[in-house]
Structure formats: C-alpha cells, structure tokens
Amino acid sequence: MTQNIFRITLLTAAVAILLPLTATLLFTLSSLLETPLAAISPLSPHATLKITFALRTVIIAITISLLYFYTSNTLAKKICPPHLNEHIQPWLFLAPTILLLTLFLIYPALETFRLSLTSDIPTLNPDGTPVLNDAGQPRFTKGFIGIQNYTFLLASEDFWFAIRNSILWLVVVPTSCIALGMTIAVITDKSPYGGFVKSIVFVPLAISFVGAAVIWRNIYAAGGAGGYQIGLVNALLKPFNVEPRFWYEVQFWGNFFMMSILIWIQTGFAMVIFSAALRGVPEETIEAARIDGASETQTFFRIILPQIYGTVLVVWTTLVILVLKVFDIPFALTANKSDKLLLATLMEQTRNAQREEEIAAAVAIILMLTIVPVILFNVWRTRKAISND
C-alpha cells in the first residue's frame, strides 16, 4: 500500500513539475519571435502582438495537453504495476478537468460566497471611537456581517423587479423557442424547401447577443428627419398614427420586445435539435398510428412527442440556463431601468455603477442557486432513465 502511494505521488510530482516548466520554456522562447514578426507584418505592431500572443497561447496549450496525456500515460505504465495502472488511467484523464473546475469554478464560487458575507465596516479604537485616516475620514476594513447583504436585497425593490422579470423571461423565452422550433422542424421536415428554410432560421444563432441587440435596436428605434422613421416598427405603424417610441423602453412591455431578440436567436437552435430528434422516431410507430385512424395532430402529440420528450427537456434545460445568464441584450440596449432589470444586469449594475461588490456577490450567489433546481431535476431524470433501462 505504501509503495503504491509512493508511486502515485512520484507520478503526480513528475507531471506537475515537467509540464509547467515545459509551458514556461515554450512561452519564453516563442516570445522571441514577436519582434521579428512585428517588423515584417503588414499590420500595426499592436495588432501583430495580439495575434501572435493568441496563436502562441493556442499552440502551446494544445502542445501541453498532448504532452500531458502522453507523458502521464507513459510514466504510469513504467512506474505503476498493471493492476494499479488500470485504476489510475481514468483519473489521469479526469485530472485536468478537475483542476480547471477547481480553479475557475469551485474556488471562485466559494470566494464569491465569502465576499457576500462581508462588507466595509469602520475600524474602531479600543475606546469604541472610529479610526480616522489622514483626510479625517473614518477608516473602513472588510469585516464579516453574516447575511445582512441578503436581507438588504430582500428589502430592495430593484431585486424583486429583477426576480419578476427573470421569471417572465424563464416562462416566455424557453416556451416560445421550443414551440416555434418544434413547429418549424415538423413543417419543414417533409418539405422540399425545408433545408433552405432551416438555414434562414438558423442564421441568427451565428450572431452574437450584442450584434443581435444592435440590429433590433435599430428596428425598434424611434426618430428620424423629414417625417421619416429610422425604426422599422415605427415606420410600419406610422400610417396608423401610432406614436413613435423606443419599443424596448416601454414600461414593463419593453421586456417582451427584448425577449423577442433572444427568441429570434435561439429558435434556430431548438429547430436543429428537434429536426434531428424527429428523424430518429421509427416510421413504423407513425404508420401504425395512421392505420389505427389517428389524425396528424393525434399522431404528433401521442406518438411522436413522447418519443422525443427527453430531447425537449434537454433543449428546455439549455434555454433555462441561458436565460438565467442573459446580460448582453439588456446591456447593449442600455435598458437598465428598474422595470427591465434581470438578476445578471442587477449584479452588473450593483458591482460597477454602485460600487457595492459585496451585494453584487450576494446577487451572484442567488443567481447560482436558481440553477440548482434545474440541475437536480436533470440528475433525477437521468437516474430514472438509467433505472428504467
């Protein structure tokens, strides 16, 4: 047992020392190429440095990954006996993922939670009077305050606006994307022009959230010269004497105009997934239903939909998590009024505009906790599916 522990420790130490040294050496040597490349590049020196830095990072990362798997596998075979090697191999492949998750997910989450329990509190002298700085102002330091940041949020009107709007987005966006994506997938599945229609619907998915927000900002915009409206919606409504306005800034209802942007983007995603799932439904079950006299509607809801129910849940889960994280669209539209706040935009506003990072950390923890029920539901569904098999 002791010998096995020593071998595993030796293997870990060898990999942990060799790979960082190799990465450092490669990065240092490749930096010597920056000056010659900047001299011969037609781009500006600043742009050239950025491009070469990105290329170096990608190439070295891939090289180190390949070296890790090769080195760890080779050392495991040489150092460890066969029976021990079989148990070590899976962990060698999982180790980078576990390390990255710990560094960039678990540790930040714990640190954010710790920060949410602190605040700036005045430093006091032994007699209870505040310590003053050189400017004569009270000196503050980070201190533990328990759940006061959370109680402050619960008493904040903006927080409840963000909760209300987030629930609205969670109900409207996934439902609309699934309904539209499923409808388009079913209609275009047998159509000779289905491929073309699917390509058109899928295009918005290739556009960034900020790019889509800019496009739709111009569509919903108000204003113009000579009686003309630059916004498409206002131009279409002008003959009906509808007052021009920035539609995404309308109180409360502006939320739905912002939701339409995300629906426009993500409908293509749902459509592609559902198209693939529909093609996996056995034709025999559909033909049997038709022979039994079922209508097309009955065939879809009673035969096809139950067979792709798992796919619908996967799409719903993906969209729910996406909606909870959405930030770019309201931010690009500068829709930062209270009635347009989401949890993510409230966190950004609290952190950057109000400079209250501890309360922003509390919002981040609440946002993370909202995803937990979705995760638990999917774990339960996965275990249930495995047990049924």
Protein backbone atom coordinates (compact mmCIF):
# COMPACT_ATOMS: atom_id res chain seq x y z
CA MET A 1 0.00 0.00 0.00
CA THR A 2 2.79 2.41 0.97
CA GLN A 3 4.69 1.55 -2.20
CA ASN A 4 1.61 2.28 -4.34
CA ILE A 5 1.09 5.64 -2.65
CA PHE A 6 4.76 6.49 -3.28
CA ARG A 7 4.43 5.59 -6.96
CA ILE A 8 1.30 7.69 -7.39
CA THR A 9 2.97 10.62 -5.61
CA LEU A 10 6.05 10.26 -7.82
CA LEU A 11 3.89 10.21 -10.96
CA THR A 12 1.93 13.28 -9.85
CA ALA A 13 5.09 15.20 -8.93
CA ALA A 14 6.76 14.35 -12.24
CA VAL A 15 3.81 15.56 -14.30
CA ALA A 16 3.19 18.61 -12.09
CA ILE A 17 6.83 19.73 -12.40
CA LEU A 18 7.63 18.83 -16.00
CA LEU A 19 4.60 20.32 -17.72
CA PRO A 20 4.65 23.82 -16.14
CA LEU A 21 8.39 24.03 -16.83
CA THR A 22 7.84 23.00 -20.43
CA ALA A 23 5.00 25.51 -20.87
CA THR A 24 7.11 28.31 -19.38
CA LEU A 25 10.07 27.44 -21.60
CA LEU A 26 7.94 27.31 -24.76
CA PHE A 27 6.22 30.59 -23.96
CA THR A 28 9.53 32.30 -23.23
CA LEU A 29 11.19 31.05 -26.40
CA SER A 30 8.19 31.89 -28.58
CA SER A 31 8.17 35.47 -27.23
CA LEU A 32 11.48 35.99 -29.07
CA LEU A 33 9.55 35.78 -32.34
CA GLU A 34 7.33 38.79 -31.58
CA THR A 35 9.78 41.50 -32.61
CA PRO A 36 10.79 39.92 -35.99
CA LEU A 37 7.17 39.20 -36.85
CA ALA A 38 6.11 42.74 -35.97
CA ALA A 39 8.80 44.08 -38.29
CA ILE A 40 7.62 42.13 -41.35
CA SER A 41 3.87 42.13 -40.66
CA PRO A 42 1.66 44.50 -42.72
CA LEU A 43 -0.46 45.05 -39.60
CA SER A 44 0.26 47.53 -36.85
CA PRO A 45 2.73 46.36 -34.17
CA HIS A 46 -0.03 46.34 -31.55
CA ALA A 47 -2.31 44.15 -33.70
CA THR A 48 0.57 41.85 -34.59
CA LEU A 49 1.46 41.36 -30.92
CA LYS A 50 -2.15 40.49 -30.11
CA ILE A 51 -2.41 37.97 -32.94
CA THR A 52 0.93 36.32 -32.17
CA PHE A 53 0.09 36.15 -28.47
CA ALA A 54 -3.21 34.42 -29.25
CA LEU A 55 -1.54 31.97 -31.64
CA ARG A 56 1.21 31.19 -29.16
CA THR A 57 -1.33 30.57 -26.41
CA VAL A 58 -3.43 28.21 -28.54
CA ILE A 59 -0.46 26.26 -29.94
CA ILE A 60 1.27 25.91 -26.57
CA ALA A 61 -1.98 24.89 -24.84
CA ILE A 62 -2.60 22.14 -27.40
CA THR A 63 1.04 21.01 -27.19
CA ILE A 64 0.96 20.85 -23.38
CA SER A 65 -2.32 18.92 -23.46
CA LEU A 66 -0.86 16.32 -25.82
CA LEU A 67 2.34 16.14 -23.75
CA TYR A 68 0.31 15.68 -20.58
CA PHE A 69 -1.63 12.68 -21.86
CA TYR A 70 1.45 11.13 -23.48
CA THR A 71 3.75 11.72 -20.50
CA SER A 72 1.27 10.67 -17.83
CA ASN A 73 0.34 7.53 -19.75
CA THR A 74 3.97 6.58 -20.34
CA LEU A 75 5.04 7.23 -16.75
CA ALA A 76 2.02 5.35 -15.39
CA LYS A 77 2.96 2.27 -17.40
CA LYS A 78 6.61 2.41 -16.30
CA ILE A 79 6.11 3.32 -12.64
CA CYS A 80 2.91 1.51 -11.69
CA PRO A 81 2.11 -2.21 -11.93
CA PRO A 82 -0.66 -3.21 -14.41
CA HIS A 83 -3.38 -3.71 -11.79
CA LEU A 84 -2.73 -0.24 -10.32
CA ASN A 85 -2.40 1.37 -13.74
CA GLU A 86 -5.95 0.34 -14.62
CA HIS A 87 -7.27 2.31 -11.67
CA ILE A 88 -5.04 5.33 -12.30
CA GLN A 89 -5.76 5.78 -16.03
CA PRO A 90 -9.30 7.22 -15.65
CA TRP A 91 -8.10 9.73 -13.07
CA LEU A 92 -5.25 10.82 -15.33
CA PHE A 93 -7.78 11.80 -17.97
CA LEU A 94 -10.06 13.49 -15.43
CA ALA A 95 -7.28 15.35 -13.61
CA PRO A 96 -7.07 18.39 -15.96
CA THR A 97 -10.84 18.83 -15.86
CA ILE A 98 -10.94 18.54 -12.07
CA LEU A 99 -8.08 21.02 -11.76
CA LEU A 100 -9.68 23.57 -14.11
CA LEU A 101 -13.08 23.21 -12.44
CA THR A 102 -11.48 23.75 -9.06
CA LEU A 103 -9.51 26.81 -10.17
CA PHE A 104 -12.16 28.50 -12.29
CA LEU A 105 -15.47 27.31 -10.85
CA ILE A 106 -15.34 25.89 -7.33
CA TYR A 107 -12.82 28.34 -5.87
CA PRO A 108 -14.48 31.44 -7.41
CA ALA A 109 -17.88 30.24 -6.16
CA LEU A 110 -16.57 29.80 -2.62
CA GLU A 111 -14.77 33.14 -2.75
CA THR A 112 -17.91 34.86 -4.03
CA PHE A 113 -19.92 33.34 -1.18
CA ARG A 114 -17.32 34.51 1.33
CA LEU A 115 -17.40 38.02 -0.15
CA SER A 116 -21.21 38.09 0.05
CA LEU A 117 -20.95 37.70 3.84
CA THR A 118 -18.66 40.71 4.27
CA SER A 119 -18.86 44.49 3.96
CA ASP A 120 -16.88 47.60 4.73
CA ILE A 121 -17.12 48.24 8.47
CA PRO A 122 -15.46 51.12 10.37
CA THR A 123 -12.23 50.40 12.21
CA LEU A 124 -12.63 51.25 15.88
CA ASN A 125 -10.19 52.25 18.59
CA PRO A 126 -10.16 50.35 21.88
CA ASP A 127 -12.46 53.03 23.34
CA GLY A 128 -15.00 52.49 20.57
CA THR A 129 -14.28 55.67 18.58
CA PRO A 130 -13.67 55.31 14.84
CA VAL A 131 -10.12 55.31 13.48
CA LEU A 132 -9.59 58.26 11.12
CA ASN A 133 -7.37 58.38 8.05
CA ASP A 134 -5.11 61.29 7.06
CA ALA A 135 -8.08 63.09 5.49
CA GLY A 136 -10.02 62.89 8.74
CA GLN A 137 -12.49 60.35 7.37
CA PRO A 138 -13.39 57.07 9.12
CA ARG A 139 -11.19 54.17 8.06
CA PHE A 140 -13.00 51.08 6.85
CA THR A 141 -11.95 47.47 6.61
CA LYS A 142 -13.55 44.28 5.34
CA GLY A 143 -15.49 42.50 8.04
CA PHE A 144 -17.94 39.65 8.49
CA ILE A 145 -21.58 40.79 8.65
CA GLY A 146 -23.40 37.47 8.15
CA ILE A 147 -26.46 37.54 5.91
CA GLN A 148 -27.03 41.30 6.06
CA ASN A 149 -26.32 41.69 2.33
CA TYR A 150 -29.02 39.12 1.58
CA THR A 151 -31.54 40.80 3.90
CA PHE A 152 -30.73 44.11 2.19
CA LEU A 153 -31.51 42.54 -1.18
CA LEU A 154 -34.79 41.08 0.06
CA ALA A 155 -35.83 44.57 1.14
CA SER A 156 -34.78 46.11 -2.17
CA GLU A 157 -37.46 46.95 -4.73
CA ASP A 158 -34.98 46.54 -7.60
CA PHE A 159 -34.24 42.98 -6.52
CA TRP A 160 -37.89 41.99 -6.73
CA PHE A 161 -38.18 43.70 -10.10
CA ALA A 162 -35.26 41.54 -11.24
CA ILE A 163 -36.92 38.41 -9.84
CA ARG A 164 -40.20 39.21 -11.58
CA ASN A 165 -38.53 39.92 -14.90
CA SER A 166 -36.33 36.83 -14.66
CA ILE A 167 -39.41 34.66 -14.09
CA LEU A 168 -41.07 36.27 -17.11
CA TRP A 169 -38.03 35.52 -19.26
CA LEU A 170 -37.91 31.94 -17.93
CA VAL A 171 -41.54 31.37 -18.89
CA VAL A 172 -41.71 33.19 -22.21
CA VAL A 173 -38.34 32.54 -23.89
CA PRO A 174 -37.93 28.73 -23.48
CA THR A 175 -41.62 28.14 -24.20
CA SER A 176 -41.58 30.29 -27.34
CA CYS A 177 -38.30 28.84 -28.63
CA ILE A 178 -39.49 25.26 -28.10
CA ALA A 179 -42.90 25.91 -29.68
CA LEU A 180 -41.51 27.77 -32.70
CA GLY A 181 -38.55 25.42 -33.12
CA MET A 182 -40.77 22.34 -32.97
CA THR A 183 -43.31 23.86 -35.39
CA ILE A 184 -40.67 24.78 -37.95
CA ALA A 185 -38.95 21.39 -37.58
CA VAL A 186 -42.21 19.49 -38.16
CA ILE A 187 -43.37 21.66 -41.08
CA THR A 188 -40.02 21.70 -42.90
CA ASP A 189 -39.17 18.05 -42.25
CA LYS A 190 -41.05 16.79 -45.30
CA SER A 191 -40.91 19.98 -47.40
CA PRO A 192 -38.64 20.14 -50.47
CA TYR A 193 -37.62 23.63 -49.37
CA GLY A 194 -37.05 22.57 -45.77
CA GLY A 195 -33.27 22.82 -45.95
CA PHE A 196 -33.41 26.40 -47.21
CA VAL A 197 -35.94 27.46 -44.58
CA LYS A 198 -33.91 25.84 -41.80
CA SER A 199 -30.78 27.64 -42.99
CA ILE A 200 -32.57 31.00 -42.81
CA VAL A 201 -33.93 30.28 -39.32
CA PHE A 202 -30.54 29.04 -38.13
CA VAL A 203 -28.59 32.14 -39.27
CA PRO A 204 -29.38 34.30 -36.17
CA LEU A 205 -27.70 31.70 -33.96
CA ALA A 206 -24.38 32.67 -35.55
CA ILE A 207 -24.83 36.30 -34.44
CA SER A 208 -23.57 37.39 -31.04
CA PHE A 209 -26.05 38.66 -28.50
CA VAL A 210 -24.60 42.17 -28.73
CA GLY A 211 -24.78 42.11 -32.54
CA ALA A 212 -28.40 40.93 -32.44
CA ALA A 213 -29.26 43.64 -29.89
CA VAL A 214 -27.77 46.31 -32.16
CA ILE A 215 -29.78 45.01 -35.13
CA TRP A 216 -33.04 45.01 -33.22
CA ARG A 217 -32.28 48.32 -31.54
CA ASN A 218 -32.43 49.88 -34.99
CA ILE A 219 -35.68 48.04 -35.75
CA TYR A 220 -37.30 49.23 -32.51
CA ALA A 221 -35.75 52.71 -32.65
CA ALA A 222 -37.63 55.99 -32.86
CA GLY A 223 -36.65 59.24 -34.52
CA GLY A 224 -35.78 60.47 -37.97
CA ALA A 225 -35.87 63.54 -40.19
CA GLY A 226 -38.44 64.88 -42.61
CA GLY A 227 -41.28 62.81 -41.24
CA TYR A 228 -39.45 59.53 -41.78
CA GLN A 229 -38.83 56.98 -39.06
CA ILE A 230 -35.47 55.18 -38.90
CA GLY A 231 -37.00 52.31 -36.90
CA LEU A 232 -38.80 49.68 -38.96
CA VAL A 233 -41.57 49.11 -36.40
CA ASN A 234 -42.36 52.81 -36.11
CA ALA A 235 -42.23 53.23 -39.88
CA LEU A 236 -44.77 50.43 -40.34
CA LEU A 237 -47.05 51.86 -37.65
CA LYS A 238 -46.86 55.45 -38.87
CA PRO A 239 -49.89 55.15 -41.23
CA PHE A 240 -51.96 54.08 -38.19
CA ASN A 241 -50.94 57.24 -36.27
CA VAL A 242 -49.19 55.26 -33.54
CA GLU A 243 -46.89 57.47 -31.52
CA PRO A 244 -43.22 56.65 -32.30
CA ARG A 245 -41.23 55.31 -29.37
CA PHE A 246 -38.28 53.13 -28.46
CA TRP A 247 -40.29 49.97 -28.03
CA TYR A 248 -37.82 48.19 -25.78
CA GLU A 249 -38.05 51.12 -23.33
CA VAL A 250 -41.83 50.90 -22.88
CA GLN A 251 -42.55 50.33 -19.21
CA PHE A 252 -42.99 46.61 -18.43
CA TRP A 253 -43.93 45.65 -22.00
CA GLY A 254 -40.45 46.54 -23.16
CA ASN A 255 -39.34 43.28 -21.55
CA PHE A 256 -41.22 41.32 -24.20
CA PHE A 257 -39.55 43.25 -27.02
CA MET A 258 -36.17 42.31 -25.53
CA MET A 259 -37.30 38.70 -25.13
CA SER A 260 -38.16 38.60 -28.83
CA ILE A 261 -34.48 39.17 -29.64
CA LEU A 262 -33.39 36.10 -27.69
CA ILE A 263 -36.27 34.08 -29.15
CA TRP A 264 -35.14 35.14 -32.64
CA ILE A 265 -31.62 33.90 -31.88
CA GLN A 266 -32.40 30.62 -30.12
CA THR A 267 -35.30 29.33 -32.21
CA GLY A 268 -32.77 28.02 -34.72
CA PHE A 269 -31.02 26.05 -32.00
CA ALA A 270 -34.26 24.38 -30.90
CA MET A 271 -35.26 23.72 -34.52
CA VAL A 272 -31.99 21.91 -35.37
CA ILE A 273 -32.14 19.70 -32.27
CA PHE A 274 -35.78 18.81 -32.85
CA SER A 275 -35.18 18.09 -36.55
CA ALA A 276 -32.54 15.53 -35.62
CA ALA A 277 -34.80 14.01 -32.96
CA LEU A 278 -37.79 13.73 -35.32
CA ARG A 279 -35.71 11.78 -37.82
CA GLY A 280 -34.92 9.28 -35.07
CA VAL A 281 -38.58 8.43 -34.50
CA PRO A 282 -39.33 4.99 -36.04
CA GLU A 283 -41.62 5.26 -39.06
CA GLU A 284 -43.35 2.03 -38.00
CA THR A 285 -44.91 3.71 -34.95
CA ILE A 286 -46.19 6.60 -37.06
CA GLU A 287 -47.63 4.30 -39.73
CA ALA A 288 -49.32 2.14 -37.09
CA ALA A 289 -51.00 5.20 -35.62
CA ARG A 290 -52.26 6.29 -39.03
CA ILE A 291 -53.59 2.82 -39.80
CA ASP A 292 -55.48 2.94 -36.49
CA GLY A 293 -57.17 6.13 -37.70
CA ALA A 294 -55.21 8.72 -35.70
CA SER A 295 -55.14 12.23 -37.14
CA GLU A 296 -51.86 14.05 -37.76
CA THR A 297 -52.36 16.07 -34.59
CA GLN A 298 -53.04 12.96 -32.51
CA THR A 299 -50.07 11.19 -34.09
CA PHE A 300 -47.77 14.05 -33.17
CA PHE A 301 -48.90 14.55 -29.56
CA ARG A 302 -49.49 10.89 -28.66
CA ILE A 303 -46.86 9.05 -30.71
CA ILE A 304 -44.04 11.37 -31.80
CA LEU A 305 -43.79 13.82 -28.89
CA PRO A 306 -43.49 11.15 -26.13
CA GLN A 307 -40.58 9.60 -28.03
CA ILE A 308 -38.63 12.87 -28.18
CA TYR A 309 -39.62 14.04 -24.70
CA GLY A 310 -36.04 13.64 -23.48
CA THR A 311 -34.79 15.90 -26.27
CA VAL A 312 -37.38 18.54 -25.38
CA LEU A 313 -36.15 18.50 -21.78
CA VAL A 314 -32.54 18.91 -22.89
CA VAL A 315 -33.45 21.93 -25.03
CA TRP A 316 -35.56 23.37 -22.20
CA THR A 317 -32.71 22.95 -19.70
CA THR A 318 -30.22 24.62 -22.05
CA LEU A 319 -32.54 27.56 -22.66
CA VAL A 320 -33.36 27.99 -18.97
CA ILE A 321 -29.68 28.21 -18.04
CA LEU A 322 -29.07 30.58 -20.96
CA VAL A 323 -31.94 32.86 -19.89
CA LEU A 324 -30.70 32.99 -16.30
CA LYS A 325 -27.30 34.17 -17.56
CA VAL A 326 -28.57 36.64 -20.16
CA PHE A 327 -26.90 40.01 -19.78
CA ASP A 328 -25.68 41.18 -23.18
CA ILE A 329 -29.05 42.09 -24.71
CA PRO A 330 -30.32 44.46 -21.96
CA PHE A 331 -26.82 45.87 -21.56
CA ALA A 332 -26.40 46.61 -25.29
CA LEU A 333 -29.85 48.24 -25.37
CA THR A 334 -28.98 50.27 -22.24
CA ALA A 335 -32.26 49.00 -20.79
CA ASN A 336 -31.15 49.49 -17.20
CA LYS A 337 -34.32 50.90 -15.66
CA SER A 338 -35.79 49.09 -12.68
CA ASP A 339 -38.67 47.54 -14.63
CA LYS A 340 -36.18 45.97 -17.10
CA LEU A 341 -33.70 44.57 -14.57
CA LEU A 342 -32.68 40.91 -14.60
CA LEU A 343 -30.57 39.19 -11.95
CA ALA A 344 -27.48 39.35 -14.15
CA THR A 345 -27.97 43.05 -15.02
CA LEU A 346 -28.73 43.85 -11.37
CA MET A 347 -25.44 42.21 -10.42
CA GLU A 348 -23.54 44.26 -13.01
CA GLN A 349 -25.28 47.48 -12.01
CA THR A 350 -24.58 46.88 -8.32
CA ARG A 351 -20.96 45.97 -8.97
CA ASN A 352 -19.94 48.68 -11.43
CA ALA A 353 -22.40 51.56 -11.12
CA GLN A 354 -22.99 51.45 -7.37
CA ARG A 355 -19.55 50.05 -6.42
CA GLU A 356 -21.04 47.58 -3.95
CA GLU A 357 -19.19 44.37 -4.78
CA GLU A 358 -20.37 42.55 -1.65
CA ILE A 359 -24.05 42.98 -2.57
CA ALA A 360 -23.22 42.06 -6.17
CA ALA A 361 -21.63 38.87 -4.82
CA ALA A 362 -24.87 38.11 -2.95
CA VAL A 363 -26.82 38.54 -6.21
CA ALA A 364 -24.36 36.18 -7.91
CA ILE A 365 -24.93 33.52 -5.23
CA ILE A 366 -28.71 33.85 -5.57
CA LEU A 367 -28.35 33.58 -9.36
CA MET A 368 -26.27 30.43 -8.93
CA LEU A 369 -28.82 28.93 -6.54
CA THR A 370 -31.62 29.44 -9.07
CA ILE A 371 -29.87 26.96 -11.36
CA VAL A 372 -29.64 24.26 -8.65
CA PRO A 373 -33.27 23.04 -9.06
CA VAL A 374 -32.69 22.65 -12.81
CA ILE A 375 -29.55 20.62 -12.16
CA LEU A 376 -31.25 18.43 -9.55
CA PHE A 377 -34.17 17.82 -11.90
CA ASN A 378 -31.83 16.67 -14.67
CA VAL A 379 -29.89 14.42 -12.29
CA TRP A 380 -33.17 12.84 -11.18
CA ARG A 381 -34.32 12.41 -14.78
CA THR A 382 -31.01 10.85 -15.82
CA ARG A 383 -31.06 8.37 -12.91
CA LYS A 384 -34.66 7.50 -13.66
CA ALA A 385 -33.84 6.85 -17.33
CA ILE A 386 -30.88 4.64 -16.33
CA SER A 387 -33.00 2.67 -13.86
CA ASN A 388 -35.72 2.15 -16.49
CA ASP A 389 -33.16 0.81 -18.94
